[in-house]
């Protein structure tokens, strides 16, 4: 009878150790996922800010250049603004069919890495 009692006691100890190990493993996996998400978010923000500056200075350079070609600085800036307006309209028209699914898939891939 004591032998069965000892085996049951050993089994409960092993189950407790198994539960604790499972908890620690889950915590480590969650921490790793959180670290990956934060790293991805920081990288995305850095790329977006850099891209914003590229667009800003590129737009200024384009407008200045067009102004020099037209001998009218205001006309160059209006054409530059028109170019970015057309880009914005195209992005708005494509957002539901192309842009949103692409972003959703990108986020889903990052979450399951």
PDB file of N, CA and C in Angstrom:
ATOM      1  N   UNK A   1       0.814  -1.190   0.000  1.00  0.00           N
ATOM      2  CA  UNK A   1       0.000   0.000   0.000  1.00  0.00           C
ATOM      3  C   UNK A   1       0.865   1.264   0.000  1.00  0.00           C
ATOM      4  N   UNK A   2       1.964   1.207   0.774  1.00  0.00           N
ATOM      5  CA  UNK A   2       2.865   2.358   0.827  1.00  0.00           C
ATOM      6  C   UNK A   2       3.543   2.588  -0.520  1.00  0.00           C
ATOM      7  N   UNK A   3       3.770   1.497  -1.238  1.00  0.00           N
ATOM      8  CA  UNK A   3       4.408   1.604  -2.545  1.00  0.00           C
ATOM      9  C   UNK A   3       3.512   2.392  -3.510  1.00  0.00           C
ATOM     10  N   UNK A   4       2.229   2.148  -3.488  1.00  0.00           N
ATOM     11  CA  UNK A   4       1.286   2.874  -4.343  1.00  0.00           C
ATOM     12  C   UNK A   4       1.222   4.327  -3.898  1.00  0.00           C
ATOM     13  N   UNK A   5       1.233   4.543  -2.589  1.00  0.00           N
ATOM     14  CA  UNK A   5       1.187   5.908  -2.059  1.00  0.00           C
ATOM     15  C   UNK A   5       2.426   6.692  -2.493  1.00  0.00           C
ATOM     16  N   UNK A   6       3.597   6.030  -2.444  1.00  0.00           N
ATOM     17  CA  UNK A   6       4.834   6.686  -2.878  1.00  0.00           C
ATOM     18  C   UNK A   6       4.800   7.011  -4.378  1.00  0.00           C
ATOM     19  N   UNK A   7       4.256   6.088  -5.166  1.00  0.00           N
ATOM     20  CA  UNK A   7       4.172   6.327  -6.611  1.00  0.00           C
ATOM     21  C   UNK A   7       3.213   7.476  -6.919  1.00  0.00           C
ATOM     22  N   UNK A   8       2.107   7.540  -6.197  1.00  0.00           N
ATOM     23  CA  UNK A   8       1.157   8.639  -6.399  1.00  0.00           C
ATOM     24  C   UNK A   8       1.795   9.965  -5.998  1.00  0.00           C
ATOM     25  N   UNK A   9       2.551   9.948  -4.910  1.00  0.00           N
ATOM     26  CA  UNK A   9       3.241  11.161  -4.459  1.00  0.00           C
ATOM     27  C   UNK A   9       4.284  11.598  -5.479  1.00  0.00           C
ATOM     28  N   UNK A  10       5.038  10.628  -6.042  1.00  0.00           N
ATOM     29  CA  UNK A  10       6.016  10.949  -7.077  1.00  0.00           C
ATOM     30  C   UNK A  10       5.319  11.511  -8.322  1.00  0.00           C
ATOM     31  N   UNK A  11       4.192  10.913  -8.666  1.00  0.00           N
ATOM     32  CA  UNK A  11       3.443  11.369  -9.829  1.00  0.00           C
ATOM     33  C   UNK A  11       2.942  12.802  -9.630  1.00  0.00           C
ATOM     34  N   UNK A  12       2.434  13.121  -8.454  1.00  0.00           N
ATOM     35  CA  UNK A  12       1.960  14.494  -8.208  1.00  0.00           C
ATOM     36  C   UNK A  12       3.126  15.471  -8.221  1.00  0.00           C
ATOM     37  N   UNK A  13       4.276  15.059  -7.723  1.00  0.00           N
ATOM     38  CA  UNK A  13       5.460  15.932  -7.784  1.00  0.00           C
ATOM     39  C   UNK A  13       5.875  16.180  -9.227  1.00  0.00           C
ATOM     40  N   UNK A  14       5.851  15.129 -10.036  1.00  0.00           N
ATOM     41  CA  UNK A  14       6.225  15.277 -11.440  1.00  0.00           C
ATOM     42  C   UNK A  14       5.211  16.148 -12.188  1.00  0.00           C
ATOM     43  N   UNK A  15       3.933  15.979 -11.858  1.00  0.00           N
ATOM     44  CA  UNK A  15       2.916  16.815 -12.496  1.00  0.00           C
ATOM     45  C   UNK A  15       3.106  18.281 -12.113  1.00  0.00           C
ATOM     46  N   UNK A  16       3.456  18.532 -10.866  1.00  0.00           N
ATOM     47  CA  UNK A  16       3.723  19.908 -10.434  1.00  0.00           C
ATOM     48  C   UNK A  16       4.914  20.493 -11.174  1.00  0.00           C
ATOM     49  N   UNK A  17       5.984  19.690 -11.311  1.00  0.00           N
ATOM     50  CA  UNK A  17       7.165  20.137 -12.063  1.00  0.00           C
ATOM     51  C   UNK A  17       6.820  20.376 -13.530  1.00  0.00           C
ATOM     52  N   UNK A  18       6.002  19.502 -14.095  1.00  0.00           N
ATOM     53  CA  UNK A  18       5.596  19.643 -15.489  1.00  0.00           C
ATOM     54  C   UNK A  18       4.774  20.922 -15.676  1.00  0.00           C
ATOM     55  N   UNK A  19       3.872  21.190 -14.769  1.00  0.00           N
ATOM     56  CA  UNK A  19       3.066  22.414 -14.843  1.00  0.00           C
ATOM     57  C   UNK A  19       3.931  23.653 -14.724  1.00  0.00           C
ATOM     58  N   UNK A  20       4.881  23.633 -13.813  1.00  0.00           N
ATOM     59  CA  UNK A  20       5.782  24.776 -13.646  1.00  0.00           C
ATOM     60  C   UNK A  20       6.651  24.985 -14.880  1.00  0.00           C
ATOM     61  N   UNK A  21       7.146  23.901 -15.462  1.00  0.00           N
ATOM     62  CA  UNK A  21       7.952  23.992 -16.681  1.00  0.00           C
ATOM     63  C   UNK A  21       7.116  24.530 -17.839  1.00  0.00           C
ATOM     64  N   UNK A  22       5.873  24.050 -17.955  1.00  0.00           N
ATOM     65  CA  UNK A  22       4.984  24.535 -19.008  1.00  0.00           C
ATOM     66  C   UNK A  22       4.717  26.029 -18.845  1.00  0.00           C
ATOM     67  N   UNK A  23       4.512  26.472 -17.611  1.00  0.00           N
ATOM     68  CA  UNK A  23       4.284  27.895 -17.336  1.00  0.00           C
ATOM     69  C   UNK A  23       5.498  28.723 -17.740  1.00  0.00           C
ATOM     70  N   UNK A  24       6.687  28.267 -17.369  1.00  0.00           N
ATOM     71  CA  UNK A  24       7.902  29.001 -17.719  1.00  0.00           C
ATOM     72  C   UNK A  24       8.124  29.036 -19.231  1.00  0.00           C
ATOM     73  N   UNK A  25       7.860  27.923 -19.894  1.00  0.00           N
ATOM     74  CA  UNK A  25       8.010  27.867 -21.340  1.00  0.00           C
ATOM     75  C   UNK A  25       7.031  28.825 -22.025  1.00  0.00           C
ATOM     76  N   UNK A  26       5.800  28.856 -21.555  1.00  0.00           N
ATOM     77  CA  UNK A  26       4.799  29.764 -22.113  1.00  0.00           C
ATOM     78  C   UNK A  26       5.212  31.215 -21.887  1.00  0.00           C
ATOM     79  N   UNK A  27       5.737  31.516 -20.721  1.00  0.00           N
ATOM     80  CA  UNK A  27       6.200  32.865 -20.415  1.00  0.00           C
ATOM     81  C   UNK A  27       7.360  33.266 -21.324  1.00  0.00           C
ATOM     82  N   UNK A  28       8.279  32.360 -21.554  1.00  0.00           N
ATOM     83  CA  UNK A  28       9.418  32.644 -22.429  1.00  0.00           C
ATOM     84  C   UNK A  28       8.947  32.868 -23.864  1.00  0.00           C
ATOM     85  N   UNK A  29       8.019  32.041 -24.340  1.00  0.00           N
ATOM     86  CA  UNK A  29       7.498  32.215 -25.705  1.00  0.00           C
ATOM     87  C   UNK A  29       6.755  33.538 -25.842  1.00  0.00           C
ATOM     88  N   UNK A  30       5.967  33.902 -24.835  1.00  0.00           N
ATOM     89  CA  UNK A  30       5.234  35.170 -24.882  1.00  0.00           C
ATOM     90  C   UNK A  30       6.200  36.352 -24.873  1.00  0.00           C
ATOM     91  N   UNK A  31       7.244  36.265 -24.073  1.00  0.00           N
ATOM     92  CA  UNK A  31       8.246  37.325 -24.030  1.00  0.00           C
ATOM     93  C   UNK A  31       8.959  37.449 -25.373  1.00  0.00           C
ATOM     94  N   UNK A  32       9.268  36.314 -25.986  1.00  0.00           N
ATOM     95  CA  UNK A  32       9.929  36.334 -27.295  1.00  0.00           C
ATOM     96  C   UNK A  32       9.024  36.970 -28.345  1.00  0.00           C
ATOM     97  N   UNK A  33       7.743  36.616 -28.351  1.00  0.00           N
ATOM     98  CA  UNK A  33       6.794  37.213 -29.302  1.00  0.00           C
ATOM     99  C   UNK A  33       6.683  38.714 -29.080  1.00  0.00           C
ATOM    100  N   UNK A  34       6.587  39.136 -27.821  1.00  0.00           N
ATOM    101  CA  UNK A  34       6.478  40.561 -27.515  1.00  0.00           C
ATOM    102  C   UNK A  34       7.733  41.302 -27.981  1.00  0.00           C
ATOM    103  N   UNK A  35       8.890  40.709 -27.761  1.00  0.00           N
ATOM    104  CA  UNK A  35      10.141  41.340 -28.195  1.00  0.00           C
ATOM    105  C   UNK A  35      10.187  41.454 -29.716  1.00  0.00           C
ATOM    106  N   UNK A  36       9.732  40.415 -30.418  1.00  0.00           N
ATOM    107  CA  UNK A  36       9.709  40.467 -31.883  1.00  0.00           C
ATOM    108  C   UNK A  36       8.743  41.540 -32.372  1.00  0.00           C
ATOM    109  N   UNK A  37       7.571  41.640 -31.743  1.00  0.00           N
ATOM    110  CA  UNK A  37       6.599  42.647 -32.153  1.00  0.00           C
ATOM    111  C   UNK A  37       7.114  44.056 -31.905  1.00  0.00           C
ATOM    112  N   UNK A  38       7.745  44.269 -30.760  1.00  0.00           N
ATOM    113  CA  UNK A  38       8.286  45.597 -30.455  1.00  0.00           C
ATOM    114  C   UNK A  38       9.418  45.947 -31.414  1.00  0.00           C
ATOM    115  N   UNK A  39      10.281  44.986 -31.685  1.00  0.00           N
ATOM    116  CA  UNK A  39      11.380  45.234 -32.621  1.00  0.00           C
ATOM    117  C   UNK A  39      10.835  45.537 -34.015  1.00  0.00           C
ATOM    118  N   UNK A  40       9.824  44.803 -34.430  1.00  0.00           N
ATOM    119  CA  UNK A  40       9.207  45.067 -35.727  1.00  0.00           C
ATOM    120  C   UNK A  40       8.539  46.429 -35.772  1.00  0.00           C
ATOM    121  N   UNK A  41       7.888  46.807 -34.666  1.00  0.00           N
ATOM    122  CA  UNK A  41       7.227  48.114 -34.619  1.00  0.00           C
ATOM    123  C   UNK A  41       8.243  49.249 -34.670  1.00  0.00           C
ATOM    124  N   UNK A  42       9.331  49.110 -33.940  1.00  0.00           N
ATOM    125  CA  UNK A  42      10.368  50.144 -33.944  1.00  0.00           C
ATOM    126  C   UNK A  42      10.986  50.267 -35.333  1.00  0.00           C
ATOM    127  N   UNK A  43      11.259  49.142 -35.956  1.00  0.00           N
ATOM    128  CA  UNK A  43      11.817  49.157 -37.303  1.00  0.00           C
ATOM    129  C   UNK A  43      10.843  49.795 -38.292  1.00  0.00           C
ATOM    130  N   UNK A  44       9.565  49.446 -38.170  1.00  0.00           N
ATOM    131  CA  UNK A  44       8.559  50.011 -39.060  1.00  0.00           C
ATOM    132  C   UNK A  44       8.444  51.520 -38.886  1.00  0.00           C
ATOM    133  N   UNK A  45       8.460  51.981 -37.647  1.00  0.00           N
ATOM    134  CA  UNK A  45       8.388  53.423 -37.394  1.00  0.00           C
ATOM    135  C   UNK A  45       9.608  54.125 -37.980  1.00  0.00           C
ATOM    136  N   UNK A  46      10.786  53.542 -37.801  1.00  0.00           N
ATOM    137  CA  UNK A  46      12.003  54.153 -38.340  1.00  0.00           C
ATOM    138  C   UNK A  46      11.950  54.224 -39.867  1.00  0.00           C
ATOM    139  N   UNK A  47      11.493  53.160 -40.498  1.00  0.00           N
ATOM    140  CA  UNK A  47      11.394  53.154 -41.958  1.00  0.00           C
ATOM    141  C   UNK A  47      10.353  54.167 -42.423  1.00  0.00           C
ATOM    142  N   UNK A  48       9.223  54.251 -41.725  1.00  0.00           N
ATOM    143  CA  UNK A  48       8.176  55.208 -42.113  1.00  0.00           C
ATOM    144  C   UNK A  48       8.650  56.652 -41.959  1.00  0.00           C
ATOM    145  N   UNK A  49       9.349  56.951 -40.875  1.00  0.00           N
ATOM    146  CA  UNK A  49       9.855  58.311 -40.680  1.00  0.00           C
ATOM    147  C   UNK A  49      10.881  58.648 -41.752  1.00  0.00           C
ATOM    148  N   UNK A  50      11.772  57.715 -42.042  1.00  0.00           N
ATOM    149  CA  UNK A  50      12.766  57.936 -43.091  1.00  0.00           C
ATOM    150  C   UNK A  50      12.084  58.115 -44.445  1.00  0.00           C
ATOM    151  N   UNK A  51      11.090  57.294 -44.722  1.00  0.00           N
ATOM    152  CA  UNK A  51      10.343  57.424 -45.967  1.00  0.00           C
ATOM    153  C   UNK A  51       9.620  58.752 -46.066  1.00  0.00           C
ATOM    154  N   UNK A  52       9.104  59.227 -44.934  1.00  0.00           N
ATOM    155  CA  UNK A  52       8.436  60.526 -44.925  1.00  0.00           C
ATOM    156  C   UNK A  52       9.409  61.647 -45.282  1.00  0.00           C
ATOM    157  N   UNK A  53      10.614  61.595 -44.736  1.00  0.00           N
ATOM    158  CA  UNK A  53      11.616  62.599 -45.079  1.00  0.00           C
ATOM    159  C   UNK A  53      12.035  62.502 -46.547  1.00  0.00           C
ATOM    160  N   UNK A  54      12.153  61.279 -47.062  1.00  0.00           N
ATOM    161  CA  UNK A  54      12.492  61.106 -48.478  1.00  0.00           C
ATOM    162  C   UNK A  54      11.400  61.717 -49.350  1.00  0.00           C
ATOM    163  N   UNK A  55      10.129  61.442 -49.007  1.00  0.00           N
ATOM    164  CA  UNK A  55       9.026  62.032 -49.770  1.00  0.00           C
ATOM    165  C   UNK A  55       9.012  63.554 -49.656  1.00  0.00           C
ATOM    166  N   UNK A  56       9.267  64.062 -48.470  1.00  0.00           N
ATOM    167  CA  UNK A  56       9.262  65.509 -48.258  1.00  0.00           C
ATOM    168  C   UNK A  56      10.333  66.186 -49.103  1.00  0.00           C
ATOM    169  N   UNK A  57      11.564  65.729 -48.962  1.00  0.00           N
ATOM    170  CA  UNK A  57      12.651  66.369 -49.698  1.00  0.00           C
ATOM    171  C   UNK A  57      12.575  66.073 -51.186  1.00  0.00           C
ATOM    172  N   UNK A  58      12.107  64.874 -51.545  1.00  0.00           N
ATOM    173  CA  UNK A  58      11.909  64.562 -52.959  1.00  0.00           C
ATOM    174  C   UNK A  58      10.837  65.440 -53.578  1.00  0.00           C
ATOM    175  N   UNK A  59       9.748  65.664 -52.840  1.00  0.00           N
ATOM    176  CA  UNK A  59       8.687  66.543 -53.319  1.00  0.00           C
ATOM    177  C   UNK A  59       9.144  67.983 -53.446  1.00  0.00           C
ATOM    178  N   UNK A  60       9.924  68.433 -52.477  1.00  0.00           N
ATOM    179  CA  UNK A  60      10.468  69.789 -52.569  1.00  0.00           C
ATOM    180  C   UNK A  60      11.406  69.931 -53.767  1.00  0.00           C
ATOM    181  N   UNK A  61      12.260  68.939 -53.957  1.00  0.00           N
ATOM    182  CA  UNK A  61      13.192  68.986 -55.092  1.00  0.00           C
ATOM    183  C   UNK A  61      12.439  68.928 -56.417  1.00  0.00           C
ATOM    184  N   UNK A  62      11.424  68.058 -56.506  1.00  0.00           N
ATOM    185  CA  UNK A  62      10.622  67.971 -57.722  1.00  0.00           C
ATOM    186  C   UNK A  62       9.920  69.295 -58.009  1.00  0.00           C
ATOM    187  N   UNK A  63       9.327  69.871 -56.987  1.00  0.00           N
ATOM    188  CA  UNK A  63       8.620  71.146 -57.163  1.00  0.00           C
ATOM    189  C   UNK A  63       9.577  72.256 -57.576  1.00  0.00           C
ATOM    190  N   UNK A  64      10.733  72.298 -56.947  1.00  0.00           N
ATOM    191  CA  UNK A  64      11.729  73.324 -57.284  1.00  0.00           C
ATOM    192  C   UNK A  64      12.195  73.153 -58.731  1.00  0.00           C
ATOM    193  N   UNK A  65      12.461  71.900 -59.116  1.00  0.00           N
ATOM    194  CA  UNK A  65      12.920  71.615 -60.466  1.00  0.00           C
ATOM    195  C   UNK A  65      11.847  71.983 -61.495  1.00  0.00           C
ATOM    196  N   UNK A  66      10.588  71.584 -61.220  1.00  0.00           N
ATOM    197  CA  UNK A  66       9.499  71.942 -62.133  1.00  0.00           C
ATOM    198  C   UNK A  66       9.334  73.464 -62.222  1.00  0.00           C
ATOM    199  N   UNK A  67       9.499  74.137 -61.085  1.00  0.00           N
ATOM    200  CA  UNK A  67       9.430  75.598 -61.088  1.00  0.00           C
ATOM    201  C   UNK A  67      10.505  76.216 -61.953  1.00  0.00           C
ATOM    202  N   UNK A  68      11.710  75.658 -61.897  1.00  0.00           N
ATOM    203  CA  UNK A  68      12.789  76.162 -62.753  1.00  0.00           C
ATOM    204  C   UNK A  68      12.510  75.887 -64.224  1.00  0.00           C
ATOM    205  N   UNK A  69      11.919  74.722 -64.536  1.00  0.00           N
ATOM    206  CA  UNK A  69      11.582  74.408 -65.930  1.00  0.00           C
ATOM    207  C   UNK A  69      10.500  75.339 -66.462  1.00  0.00           C
ATOM    208  N   UNK A  70       9.542  75.681 -65.607  1.00  0.00           N
ATOM    209  CA  UNK A  70       8.428  76.538 -66.028  1.00  0.00           C
ATOM    210  C   UNK A  70       8.733  78.023 -65.869  1.00  0.00           C
ATOM    211  N   UNK A  71       9.873  78.329 -65.270  1.00  0.00           N
ATOM    212  CA  UNK A  71      10.212  79.716 -64.907  1.00  0.00           C
ATOM    213  C   UNK A  71       9.130  80.331 -64.026  1.00  0.00           C
ATOM    214  N   UNK A  72       8.516  79.478 -63.210  1.00  0.00           N
ATOM    215  CA  UNK A  72       7.455  79.911 -62.309  1.00  0.00           C
ATOM    216  C   UNK A  72       7.485  78.989 -61.088  1.00  0.00           C
ATOM    217  N   UNK A  73       8.060  79.481 -60.004  1.00  0.00           N
ATOM    218  CA  UNK A  73       8.230  78.654 -58.815  1.00  0.00           C
ATOM    219  C   UNK A  73       6.884  78.188 -58.258  1.00  0.00           C
ATOM    220  N   UNK A  74       5.893  79.063 -58.259  1.00  0.00           N
ATOM    221  CA  UNK A  74       4.576  78.695 -57.731  1.00  0.00           C
ATOM    222  C   UNK A  74       3.955  77.592 -58.585  1.00  0.00           C
ATOM    223  N   UNK A  75       4.092  77.684 -59.890  1.00  0.00           N
ATOM    224  CA  UNK A  75       3.582  76.643 -60.784  1.00  0.00           C
ATOM    225  C   UNK A  75       4.249  75.302 -60.533  1.00  0.00           C
ATOM    226  N   UNK A  76       5.543  75.316 -60.267  1.00  0.00           N
ATOM    227  CA  UNK A  76       6.264  74.082 -59.953  1.00  0.00           C
ATOM    228  C   UNK A  76       5.749  73.435 -58.685  1.00  0.00           C
ATOM    229  N   UNK A  77       5.501  74.259 -57.665  1.00  0.00           N
ATOM    230  CA  UNK A  77       4.986  73.705 -56.417  1.00  0.00           C
ATOM    231  C   UNK A  77       3.551  73.215 -56.580  1.00  0.00           C
ATOM    232  N   UNK A  78       2.760  73.888 -57.413  1.00  0.00           N
ATOM    233  CA  UNK A  78       1.400  73.416 -57.680  1.00  0.00           C
ATOM    234  C   UNK A  78       1.421  72.085 -58.433  1.00  0.00           C
ATOM    235  N   UNK A  79       2.321  71.941 -59.399  1.00  0.00           N
ATOM    236  CA  UNK A  79       2.445  70.663 -60.106  1.00  0.00           C
ATOM    237  C   UNK A  79       2.931  69.550 -59.165  1.00  0.00           C
ATOM    238  N   UNK A  80       3.854  69.884 -58.282  1.00  0.00           N
ATOM    239  CA  UNK A  80       4.316  68.905 -57.289  1.00  0.00           C
ATOM    240  C   UNK A  80       3.176  68.471 -56.375  1.00  0.00           C
ATOM    241  N   UNK A  81       2.371  69.445 -55.944  1.00  0.00           N
ATOM    242  CA  UNK A  81       1.212  69.120 -55.102  1.00  0.00           C
ATOM    243  C   UNK A  81       0.208  68.277 -55.871  1.00  0.00           C
ATOM    244  N   UNK A  82       0.017  68.575 -57.151  1.00  0.00           N
ATOM    245  CA  UNK A  82      -0.892  67.800 -57.985  1.00  0.00           C
ATOM    246  C   UNK A  82      -0.412  66.358 -58.115  1.00  0.00           C
ATOM    247  N   UNK A  83       0.892  66.182 -58.281  1.00  0.00           N
ATOM    248  CA  UNK A  83       1.466  64.833 -58.361  1.00  0.00           C
ATOM    249  C   UNK A  83       1.163  64.043 -57.096  1.00  0.00           C
ATOM    250  N   UNK A  84       1.375  64.647 -55.929  1.00  0.00           N
ATOM    251  CA  UNK A  84       1.113  63.943 -54.682  1.00  0.00           C
ATOM    252  C   UNK A  84      -0.383  63.747 -54.451  1.00  0.00           C
ATOM    253  N   UNK A  85      -1.208  64.642 -54.951  1.00  0.00           N
ATOM    254  CA  UNK A  85      -2.655  64.466 -54.868  1.00  0.00           C
ATOM    255  C   UNK A  85      -3.088  63.246 -55.685  1.00  0.00           C
ATOM    256  N   UNK A  86      -2.524  63.100 -56.877  1.00  0.00           N
ATOM    257  CA  UNK A  86      -2.833  61.937 -57.711  1.00  0.00           C
ATOM    258  C   UNK A  86      -2.376  60.654 -57.012  1.00  0.00           C
ATOM    259  N   UNK A  87      -1.191  60.661 -56.427  1.00  0.00           N
ATOM    260  CA  UNK A  87      -0.714  59.486 -55.674  1.00  0.00           C
ATOM    261  C   UNK A  87      -1.653  59.154 -54.524  1.00  0.00           C
ATOM    262  N   UNK A  88      -2.133  60.171 -53.816  1.00  0.00           N
ATOM    263  CA  UNK A  88      -3.036  59.949 -52.688  1.00  0.00           C
ATOM    264  C   UNK A  88      -4.361  59.362 -53.168  1.00  0.00           C
ATOM    265  N   UNK A  89      -4.887  59.855 -54.271  1.00  0.00           N
ATOM    266  CA  UNK A  89      -6.147  59.334 -54.804  1.00  0.00           C
ATOM    267  C   UNK A  89      -5.986  57.880 -55.239  1.00  0.00           C
ATOM    268  N   UNK A  90      -4.881  57.569 -55.896  1.00  0.00           N
ATOM    269  CA  UNK A  90      -4.615  56.183 -56.305  1.00  0.00           C
ATOM    270  C   UNK A  90      -4.526  55.287 -55.076  1.00  0.00           C
ATOM    271  N   UNK A  91      -3.832  55.740 -54.032  1.00  0.00           N
ATOM    272  CA  UNK A  91      -3.717  54.949 -52.806  1.00  0.00           C
ATOM    273  C   UNK A  91      -5.086  54.748 -52.158  1.00  0.00           C
ATOM    274  N   UNK A  92      -5.916  55.770 -52.145  1.00  0.00           N
ATOM    275  CA  UNK A  92      -7.256  55.638 -51.569  1.00  0.00           C
ATOM    276  C   UNK A  92      -8.119  54.668 -52.369  1.00  0.00           C
ATOM    277  N   UNK A  93      -7.995  54.688 -53.688  1.00  0.00           N
ATOM    278  CA  UNK A  93      -8.778  53.780 -54.519  1.00  0.00           C
ATOM    279  C   UNK A  93      -8.326  52.329 -54.382  1.00  0.00           C
ATOM    280  N   UNK A  94      -7.039  52.119 -54.139  1.00  0.00           N
ATOM    281  CA  UNK A  94      -6.494  50.754 -54.044  1.00  0.00           C
ATOM    282  C   UNK A  94      -6.429  50.217 -52.620  1.00  0.00           C
ATOM    283  N   UNK A  95      -6.841  51.006 -51.638  1.00  0.00           N
ATOM    284  CA  UNK A  95      -6.624  50.600 -50.253  1.00  0.00           C
ATOM    285  C   UNK A  95      -7.387  49.348 -49.857  1.00  0.00           C
ATOM    286  N   UNK A  96      -8.601  49.144 -50.352  1.00  0.00           N
ATOM    287  CA  UNK A  96      -9.394  47.982 -49.930  1.00  0.00           C
ATOM    288  C   UNK A  96      -8.994  46.708 -50.662  1.00  0.00           C
ATOM    289  N   UNK A  97      -8.568  46.820 -51.897  1.00  0.00           N
ATOM    290  CA  UNK A  97      -8.250  45.627 -52.675  1.00  0.00           C
ATOM    291  C   UNK A  97      -6.792  45.206 -52.581  1.00  0.00           C
ATOM    292  N   UNK A  98      -5.893  46.154 -52.405  1.00  0.00           N
ATOM    293  CA  UNK A  98      -4.463  45.819 -52.442  1.00  0.00           C
ATOM    294  C   UNK A  98      -3.762  46.176 -51.140  1.00  0.00           C
ATOM    295  N   UNK A  99      -3.902  47.404 -50.679  1.00  0.00           N
ATOM    296  CA  UNK A  99      -3.095  47.888 -49.557  1.00  0.00           C
ATOM    297  C   UNK A  99      -3.503  47.232 -48.242  1.00  0.00           C
ATOM    298  N   UNK A 100      -4.795  47.215 -47.912  1.00  0.00           N
ATOM    299  CA  UNK A 100      -5.252  46.626 -46.644  1.00  0.00           C
ATOM    300  C   UNK A 100      -4.939  45.136 -46.550  1.00  0.00           C
ATOM    301  N   UNK A 101      -5.235  44.316 -47.584  1.00  0.00           N
ATOM    302  CA  UNK A 101      -4.862  42.898 -47.486  1.00  0.00           C
ATOM    303  C   UNK A 101      -3.356  42.686 -47.323  1.00  0.00           C
ATOM    304  N   UNK A 102      -2.560  43.509 -47.998  1.00  0.00           N
ATOM    305  CA  UNK A 102      -1.110  43.380 -47.870  1.00  0.00           C
ATOM    306  C   UNK A 102      -0.666  43.647 -46.435  1.00  0.00           C
ATOM    307  N   UNK A 103      -1.205  44.702 -45.833  1.00  0.00           N
ATOM    308  CA  UNK A 103      -0.830  45.043 -44.457  1.00  0.00           C
ATOM    309  C   UNK A 103      -1.326  43.978 -43.487  1.00  0.00           C
ATOM    310  N   UNK A 104      -2.552  43.475 -43.685  1.00  0.00           N
ATOM    311  CA  UNK A 104      -3.085  42.416 -42.812  1.00  0.00           C
ATOM    312  C   UNK A 104      -2.224  41.165 -42.890  1.00  0.00           C
ATOM    313  N   UNK A 105      -1.845  40.764 -44.102  1.00  0.00           N
ATOM    314  CA  UNK A 105      -0.996  39.577 -44.268  1.00  0.00           C
ATOM    315  C   UNK A 105       0.374  39.791 -43.636  1.00  0.00           C
ATOM    316  N   UNK A 106       0.917  40.982 -43.767  1.00  0.00           N
ATOM    317  CA  UNK A 106       2.217  41.286 -43.175  1.00  0.00           C
ATOM    318  C   UNK A 106       2.155  41.170 -41.661  1.00  0.00           C
ATOM    319  N   UNK A 107       1.106  41.714 -41.047  1.00  0.00           N
ATOM    320  CA  UNK A 107       0.955  41.638 -39.602  1.00  0.00           C
ATOM    321  C   UNK A 107       0.745  40.193 -39.149  1.00  0.00           C
ATOM    322  N   UNK A 108      -0.064  39.435 -39.893  1.00  0.00           N
ATOM    323  CA  UNK A 108      -0.308  38.047 -39.530  1.00  0.00           C
ATOM    324  C   UNK A 108       0.980  37.219 -39.610  1.00  0.00           C
ATOM    325  N   UNK A 109       1.772  37.447 -40.653  1.00  0.00           N
ATOM    326  CA  UNK A 109       3.054  36.732 -40.750  1.00  0.00           C
ATOM    327  C   UNK A 109       3.971  37.059 -39.600  1.00  0.00           C
ATOM    328  N   UNK A 110       4.021  38.361 -39.215  1.00  0.00           N
ATOM    329  CA  UNK A 110       4.875  38.754 -38.096  1.00  0.00           C
ATOM    330  C   UNK A 110       4.400  38.130 -36.799  1.00  0.00           C
ATOM    331  N   UNK A 111       3.084  38.027 -36.618  1.00  0.00           N
ATOM    332  CA  UNK A 111       2.543  37.479 -35.367  1.00  0.00           C
ATOM    333  C   UNK A 111       2.826  35.994 -35.237  1.00  0.00           C
ATOM    334  N   UNK A 112       2.892  35.274 -36.359  1.00  0.00           N
ATOM    335  CA  UNK A 112       3.098  33.831 -36.302  1.00  0.00           C
ATOM    336  C   UNK A 112       4.529  33.408 -36.559  1.00  0.00           C
ATOM    337  N   UNK A 113       5.483  34.340 -36.601  1.00  0.00           N
ATOM    338  CA  UNK A 113       6.898  33.975 -36.776  1.00  0.00           C
ATOM    339  C   UNK A 113       7.435  33.301 -35.549  1.00  0.00           C
TER     340      UNK A 113
END
